[in-house]
Amino acid sequence: MDAIGRHEAAYLCGGPERVAVAALVALADAGRIQVASGRHRVSVLVREAADPVEAAVLDAVPGTGRVLGAAVRDVAGSSAVAAVRDALRADGLLARHRLPGLPALTAKGRRLRKALAAAPPAGLRVAVLGADAVADDRLRRTFTTPDPPPASSLLPERERGAEHRGQYGAPDRSLDYGGTAGGDSY
């Protein structure tokens, strides 16, 4: 592999999730998607993809938007990212791991990853170093912090039905005396 691309570098240095993050950051930098920092919501502004991984990102985000973590997981598991993995295998940079789903770098792949990490090429910093290398402070914080809880978990417990919950969130059976409801018999 003469010139390594963003997706290949991301896979070598961080696996499928890094490929997804690098693609999302590139699309955000290009102004084709927007990532809301408060709710970690990804919205598509322009549905134009330059390659299959970007197409997978755009396909993972519906018109209503998507939570960042879910989008990353979907893209990481897409056939486009699997094609990146297969290309790295064909180039002798990635071998099959004994455990399915876990990449194993060859000696050639480890040397390339070490060289990339020592001096990340321009335009590949996020692919090589991960979300901590995102230049924009707001976008970096969004990618490096966990997604906020769903809005329903922000309701007071009383509105979520917690008055009928026992310890550890299990249903409270302290007032359940057995019997049947509706006339069933045993």
C-alpha atoms as a PDB file:
ATOM      1  CA  MET A   1       0.000   0.000   0.000  1.00  0.00           C
ATOM      2  CA  ASP A   2       1.854   3.065  -1.263  1.00  0.00           C
ATOM      3  CA  ALA A   3      -0.228   5.966   0.039  1.00  0.00           C
ATOM      4  CA  ILE A   4      -2.416   5.099   2.979  1.00  0.00           C
ATOM      5  CA  GLY A   5      -5.850   6.654   3.144  1.00  0.00           C
ATOM      6  CA  ARG A   6      -7.794   8.004   6.092  1.00  0.00           C
ATOM      7  CA  HIS A   7      -9.936   4.904   6.544  1.00  0.00           C
ATOM      8  CA  GLU A   8      -7.023   2.476   6.285  1.00  0.00           C
ATOM      9  CA  ALA A   9      -4.930   4.490   8.759  1.00  0.00           C
ATOM     10  CA  ALA A  10      -7.885   4.660  11.142  1.00  0.00           C
ATOM     11  CA  TYR A  11      -8.434   0.901  10.997  1.00  0.00           C
ATOM     12  CA  LEU A  12      -4.759   0.128  11.575  1.00  0.00           C
ATOM     13  CA  CYS A  13      -4.479   2.546  14.499  1.00  0.00           C
ATOM     14  CA  GLY A  14      -7.846   2.096  16.198  1.00  0.00           C
ATOM     15  CA  GLY A  15     -10.065  -0.476  14.525  1.00  0.00           C
ATOM     16  CA  PRO A  16     -13.581  -0.143  13.107  1.00  0.00           C
ATOM     17  CA  GLU A  17     -14.786   2.479  15.619  1.00  0.00           C
ATOM     18  CA  ARG A  18     -11.847   4.740  14.742  1.00  0.00           C
ATOM     19  CA  VAL A  19     -12.828   4.507  11.059  1.00  0.00           C
ATOM     20  CA  ALA A  20     -16.336   5.679  11.976  1.00  0.00           C
ATOM     21  CA  VAL A  21     -15.073   8.531  14.164  1.00  0.00           C
ATOM     22  CA  ALA A  22     -12.590   9.707  11.512  1.00  0.00           C
ATOM     23  CA  ALA A  23     -15.323   9.707   8.854  1.00  0.00           C
ATOM     24  CA  LEU A  24     -17.768  11.586  11.104  1.00  0.00           C
ATOM     25  CA  VAL A  25     -15.147  14.213  11.978  1.00  0.00           C
ATOM     26  CA  ALA A  26     -14.192  14.641   8.309  1.00  0.00           C
ATOM     27  CA  LEU A  27     -17.841  15.126   7.332  1.00  0.00           C
ATOM     28  CA  ALA A  28     -18.347  17.619  10.180  1.00  0.00           C
ATOM     29  CA  ASP A  29     -15.226  19.553   9.141  1.00  0.00           C
ATOM     30  CA  ALA A  30     -16.521  19.652   5.556  1.00  0.00           C
ATOM     31  CA  GLY A  31     -19.881  21.019   6.745  1.00  0.00           C
ATOM     32  CA  ARG A  32     -21.857  18.021   5.483  1.00  0.00           C
ATOM     33  CA  ILE A  33     -23.016  16.907   8.934  1.00  0.00           C
ATOM     34  CA  GLN A  34     -23.588  18.728  12.199  1.00  0.00           C
ATOM     35  CA  VAL A  35     -22.923  17.245  15.627  1.00  0.00           C
ATOM     36  CA  ALA A  36     -24.853  19.006  18.401  1.00  0.00           C
ATOM     37  CA  SER A  37     -22.655  19.175  21.470  1.00  0.00           C
ATOM     38  CA  GLY A  38     -25.459  19.210  24.058  1.00  0.00           C
ATOM     39  CA  ARG A  39     -27.359  16.075  23.058  1.00  0.00           C
ATOM     40  CA  HIS A  40     -24.610  14.469  20.903  1.00  0.00           C
ATOM     41  CA  ARG A  41     -27.056  14.409  17.999  1.00  0.00           C
ATOM     42  CA  VAL A  42     -25.762  13.973  14.450  1.00  0.00           C
ATOM     43  CA  SER A  43     -27.749  15.652  11.665  1.00  0.00           C
ATOM     44  CA  VAL A  44     -27.019  15.463   7.950  1.00  0.00           C
ATOM     45  CA  LEU A  45     -26.788  18.813   6.170  1.00  0.00           C
ATOM     46  CA  VAL A  46     -25.625  17.589   2.731  1.00  0.00           C
ATOM     47  CA  ARG A  47     -26.178  13.971   1.627  1.00  0.00           C
ATOM     48  CA  GLU A  48     -23.146  13.646  -0.654  1.00  0.00           C
ATOM     49  CA  ALA A  49     -20.603  10.908  -0.011  1.00  0.00           C
ATOM     50  CA  ALA A  50     -17.095  10.787  -1.459  1.00  0.00           C
ATOM     51  CA  ASP A  51     -16.569   7.098  -0.642  1.00  0.00           C
ATOM     52  CA  PRO A  52     -18.405   4.040   0.726  1.00  0.00           C
ATOM     53  CA  VAL A  53     -17.531   4.775   4.380  1.00  0.00           C
ATOM     54  CA  GLU A  54     -18.956   8.291   4.125  1.00  0.00           C
ATOM     55  CA  ALA A  55     -22.030   6.763   2.456  1.00  0.00           C
ATOM     56  CA  ALA A  56     -22.337   4.405   5.448  1.00  0.00           C
ATOM     57  CA  VAL A  57     -22.227   7.421   7.789  1.00  0.00           C
ATOM     58  CA  LEU A  58     -24.949   9.197   5.840  1.00  0.00           C
ATOM     59  CA  ASP A  59     -27.049   6.012   5.722  1.00  0.00           C
ATOM     60  CA  ALA A  60     -26.691   5.556   9.499  1.00  0.00           C
ATOM     61  CA  VAL A  61     -28.182   9.002  10.173  1.00  0.00           C
ATOM     62  CA  PRO A  62     -31.873   9.389   9.245  1.00  0.00           C
ATOM     63  CA  GLY A  63     -33.469  12.722   8.437  1.00  0.00           C
ATOM     64  CA  THR A  64     -34.440  13.171  12.094  1.00  0.00           C
ATOM     65  CA  GLY A  65     -30.834  12.758  13.255  1.00  0.00           C
ATOM     66  CA  ARG A  66     -29.154  10.133  15.398  1.00  0.00           C
ATOM     67  CA  VAL A  67     -27.275   9.951  18.683  1.00  0.00           C
ATOM     68  CA  LEU A  68     -23.511  10.004  18.050  1.00  0.00           C
ATOM     69  CA  GLY A  69     -22.689   6.732  19.817  1.00  0.00           C
ATOM     70  CA  ALA A  70     -25.331   4.797  17.866  1.00  0.00           C
ATOM     71  CA  ALA A  71     -24.086   6.265  14.584  1.00  0.00           C
ATOM     72  CA  VAL A  72     -20.496   5.271  15.410  1.00  0.00           C
ATOM     73  CA  ARG A  73     -21.574   1.700  16.246  1.00  0.00           C
ATOM     74  CA  ASP A  74     -23.615   1.352  13.044  1.00  0.00           C
ATOM     75  CA  VAL A  75     -20.842   2.664  10.813  1.00  0.00           C
ATOM     76  CA  ALA A  76     -18.220   0.510  12.561  1.00  0.00           C
ATOM     77  CA  GLY A  77     -20.315  -2.565  11.803  1.00  0.00           C
ATOM     78  CA  SER A  78     -21.081  -1.597   8.207  1.00  0.00           C
ATOM     79  CA  SER A  79     -20.039  -3.456   5.080  1.00  0.00           C
ATOM     80  CA  ALA A  80     -18.019  -0.394   4.003  1.00  0.00           C
ATOM     81  CA  VAL A  81     -15.758  -0.714   7.066  1.00  0.00           C
ATOM     82  CA  ALA A  82     -15.556  -4.471   6.494  1.00  0.00           C
ATOM     83  CA  ALA A  83     -14.301  -3.679   2.974  1.00  0.00           C
ATOM     84  CA  VAL A  84     -11.540  -1.515   4.505  1.00  0.00           C
ATOM     85  CA  ARG A  85     -10.580  -4.453   6.719  1.00  0.00           C
ATOM     86  CA  ASP A  86     -10.552  -6.816   3.741  1.00  0.00           C
ATOM     87  CA  ALA A  87      -8.339  -4.433   1.735  1.00  0.00           C
ATOM     88  CA  LEU A  88      -5.857  -4.276   4.620  1.00  0.00           C
ATOM     89  CA  ARG A  89      -5.801  -8.075   4.720  1.00  0.00           C
ATOM     90  CA  ALA A  90      -5.202  -8.218   0.965  1.00  0.00           C
ATOM     91  CA  ASP A  91      -2.276  -5.798   1.357  1.00  0.00           C
ATOM     92  CA  GLY A  92      -0.713  -7.965   4.061  1.00  0.00           C
ATOM     93  CA  LEU A  93      -1.224  -5.437   6.873  1.00  0.00           C
ATOM     94  CA  LEU A  94      -3.915  -7.312   8.756  1.00  0.00           C
ATOM     95  CA  ALA A  95      -4.218 -11.009   9.541  1.00  0.00           C
ATOM     96  CA  ARG A  96      -7.136 -13.024  10.827  1.00  0.00           C
ATOM     97  CA  HIS A  97      -7.402 -13.202  14.601  1.00  0.00           C
ATOM     98  CA  ARG A  98      -8.269 -16.444  16.345  1.00  0.00           C
ATOM     99  CA  LEU A  99     -11.247 -14.692  17.924  1.00  0.00           C
ATOM    100  CA  PRO A 100     -13.783 -13.439  15.359  1.00  0.00           C
ATOM    101  CA  GLY A 101     -14.115  -9.676  15.135  1.00  0.00           C
ATOM    102  CA  LEU A 102     -10.710  -8.881  16.607  1.00  0.00           C
ATOM    103  CA  PRO A 103      -8.131  -7.532  14.146  1.00  0.00           C
ATOM    104  CA  ALA A 104      -4.565  -8.788  14.297  1.00  0.00           C
ATOM    105  CA  LEU A 105      -1.858  -6.691  12.679  1.00  0.00           C
ATOM    106  CA  THR A 106       0.922  -8.398  10.785  1.00  0.00           C
ATOM    107  CA  ALA A 107       4.541  -7.326  11.367  1.00  0.00           C
ATOM    108  CA  LYS A 108       4.214  -5.063   8.317  1.00  0.00           C
ATOM    109  CA  GLY A 109       0.998  -3.587   9.753  1.00  0.00           C
ATOM    110  CA  ARG A 110       2.602  -2.987  13.159  1.00  0.00           C
ATOM    111  CA  ARG A 111       5.553  -1.185  11.527  1.00  0.00           C
ATOM    112  CA  LEU A 112       3.204   1.037   9.530  1.00  0.00           C
ATOM    113  CA  ARG A 113       1.074   1.801  12.610  1.00  0.00           C
ATOM    114  CA  LYS A 114       4.209   2.712  14.577  1.00  0.00           C
ATOM    115  CA  ALA A 115       5.410   5.004  11.768  1.00  0.00           C
ATOM    116  CA  LEU A 116       1.999   6.685  11.529  1.00  0.00           C
ATOM    117  CA  ALA A 117       1.825   7.235  15.293  1.00  0.00           C
ATOM    118  CA  ALA A 118       5.345   8.694  15.373  1.00  0.00           C
ATOM    119  CA  ALA A 119       4.557  11.295  12.696  1.00  0.00           C
ATOM    120  CA  PRO A 120       0.870  11.472  11.722  1.00  0.00           C
ATOM    121  CA  PRO A 121       0.526  12.804   8.155  1.00  0.00           C
ATOM    122  CA  ALA A 122      -1.434  16.013   7.607  1.00  0.00           C
ATOM    123  CA  GLY A 123      -5.119  15.221   7.329  1.00  0.00           C
ATOM    124  CA  LEU A 124      -4.772  11.893   9.141  1.00  0.00           C
ATOM    125  CA  ARG A 125      -4.327  13.087  12.734  1.00  0.00           C
ATOM    126  CA  VAL A 126      -7.807  12.003  13.860  1.00  0.00           C
ATOM    127  CA  ALA A 127      -7.484   8.699  11.990  1.00  0.00           C
ATOM    128  CA  VAL A 128      -4.136   7.960  13.640  1.00  0.00           C
ATOM    129  CA  LEU A 129      -4.547   9.500  17.106  1.00  0.00           C
ATOM    130  CA  GLY A 130      -8.309   9.286  17.623  1.00  0.00           C
ATOM    131  CA  ALA A 131     -10.903  11.781  18.828  1.00  0.00           C
ATOM    132  CA  ASP A 132      -8.386  13.471  21.150  1.00  0.00           C
ATOM    133  CA  ALA A 133      -6.734  14.891  18.009  1.00  0.00           C
ATOM    134  CA  VAL A 134      -9.845  16.757  16.779  1.00  0.00           C
ATOM    135  CA  ALA A 135      -8.822  20.386  16.256  1.00  0.00           C
ATOM    136  CA  ASP A 136     -12.154  22.011  17.195  1.00  0.00           C
ATOM    137  CA  ASP A 137     -12.540  22.118  21.007  1.00  0.00           C
ATOM    138  CA  ARG A 138     -16.334  21.734  21.015  1.00  0.00           C
ATOM    139  CA  LEU A 139     -16.271  18.837  18.567  1.00  0.00           C
ATOM    140  CA  ARG A 140     -13.431  17.144  20.486  1.00  0.00           C
ATOM    141  CA  ARG A 141     -15.391  17.353  23.758  1.00  0.00           C
ATOM    142  CA  THR A 142     -18.461  15.927  22.028  1.00  0.00           C
ATOM    143  CA  PHE A 143     -16.534  12.942  20.668  1.00  0.00           C
ATOM    144  CA  THR A 144     -14.598  12.269  23.877  1.00  0.00           C
ATOM    145  CA  THR A 145     -17.479  12.410  26.362  1.00  0.00           C
ATOM    146  CA  PRO A 146     -20.182   9.739  26.702  1.00  0.00           C
ATOM    147  CA  ASP A 147     -23.580  10.309  25.137  1.00  0.00           C
ATOM    148  CA  PRO A 148     -26.055  11.879  27.570  1.00  0.00           C
ATOM    149  CA  PRO A 149     -28.863   9.661  28.895  1.00  0.00           C
ATOM    150  CA  PRO A 150     -32.132   9.519  26.941  1.00  0.00           C
ATOM    151  CA  ALA A 151     -34.612  12.256  27.787  1.00  0.00           C
ATOM    152  CA  SER A 152     -36.964   9.769  29.478  1.00  0.00           C
ATOM    153  CA  SER A 153     -34.351   9.023  32.131  1.00  0.00           C
ATOM    154  CA  LEU A 154     -34.322  12.711  33.050  1.00  0.00           C
ATOM    155  CA  LEU A 155     -37.949  12.598  34.230  1.00  0.00           C
ATOM    156  CA  PRO A 156     -38.512  12.534  37.976  1.00  0.00           C
ATOM    157  CA  GLU A 157     -38.703   8.944  39.234  1.00  0.00           C
ATOM    158  CA  ARG A 158     -42.354   9.389  40.153  1.00  0.00           C
ATOM    159  CA  GLU A 159     -43.247   9.953  36.490  1.00  0.00           C
ATOM    160  CA  ARG A 160     -41.274   6.870  35.427  1.00  0.00           C
ATOM    161  CA  GLY A 161     -43.245   4.533  37.704  1.00  0.00           C
ATOM    162  CA  ALA A 162     -40.561   4.184  40.379  1.00  0.00           C
ATOM    163  CA  GLU A 163     -43.152   4.059  43.163  1.00  0.00           C
ATOM    164  CA  HIS A 164     -43.756   0.458  42.138  1.00  0.00           C
ATOM    165  CA  ARG A 165     -40.106  -0.488  42.062  1.00  0.00           C
ATOM    166  CA  GLY A 166     -38.176  -2.253  44.773  1.00  0.00           C
ATOM    167  CA  GLN A 167     -34.470  -2.426  45.382  1.00  0.00           C
ATOM    168  CA  TYR A 168     -32.323  -2.535  42.212  1.00  0.00           C
ATOM    169  CA  GLY A 169     -35.259  -1.443  40.065  1.00  0.00           C
ATOM    170  CA  ALA A 170     -37.090  -4.766  40.418  1.00  0.00           C
ATOM    171  CA  PRO A 171     -40.891  -4.711  40.704  1.00  0.00           C
ATOM    172  CA  ASP A 172     -42.037  -4.251  44.309  1.00  0.00           C
ATOM    173  CA  ARG A 173     -43.853  -7.423  45.348  1.00  0.00           C
ATOM    174  CA  SER A 174     -44.317  -6.477  49.025  1.00  0.00           C
ATOM    175  CA  LEU A 175     -48.066  -5.962  48.565  1.00  0.00           C
ATOM    176  CA  ASP A 176     -48.526  -8.914  46.200  1.00  0.00           C
ATOM    177  CA  TYR A 177     -50.485 -11.585  48.058  1.00  0.00           C
ATOM    178  CA  GLY A 178     -50.721 -13.961  45.135  1.00  0.00           C
ATOM    179  CA  GLY A 179     -54.054 -14.972  43.750  1.00  0.00           C
ATOM    180  CA  THR A 180     -55.304 -14.210  40.315  1.00  0.00           C
ATOM    181  CA  ALA A 181     -56.772 -11.298  38.526  1.00  0.00           C
ATOM    182  CA  GLY A 182     -59.705 -11.748  36.252  1.00  0.00           C
ATOM    183  CA  GLY A 183     -61.174 -14.957  37.674  1.00  0.00           C
ATOM    184  CA  ASP A 184     -58.515 -17.407  36.573  1.00  0.00           C
ATOM    185  CA  SER A 185     -58.228 -20.525  38.664  1.00  0.00           C
ATOM    186  CA  TYR A 186     -55.348 -22.850  39.263  1.00  0.00           C
END
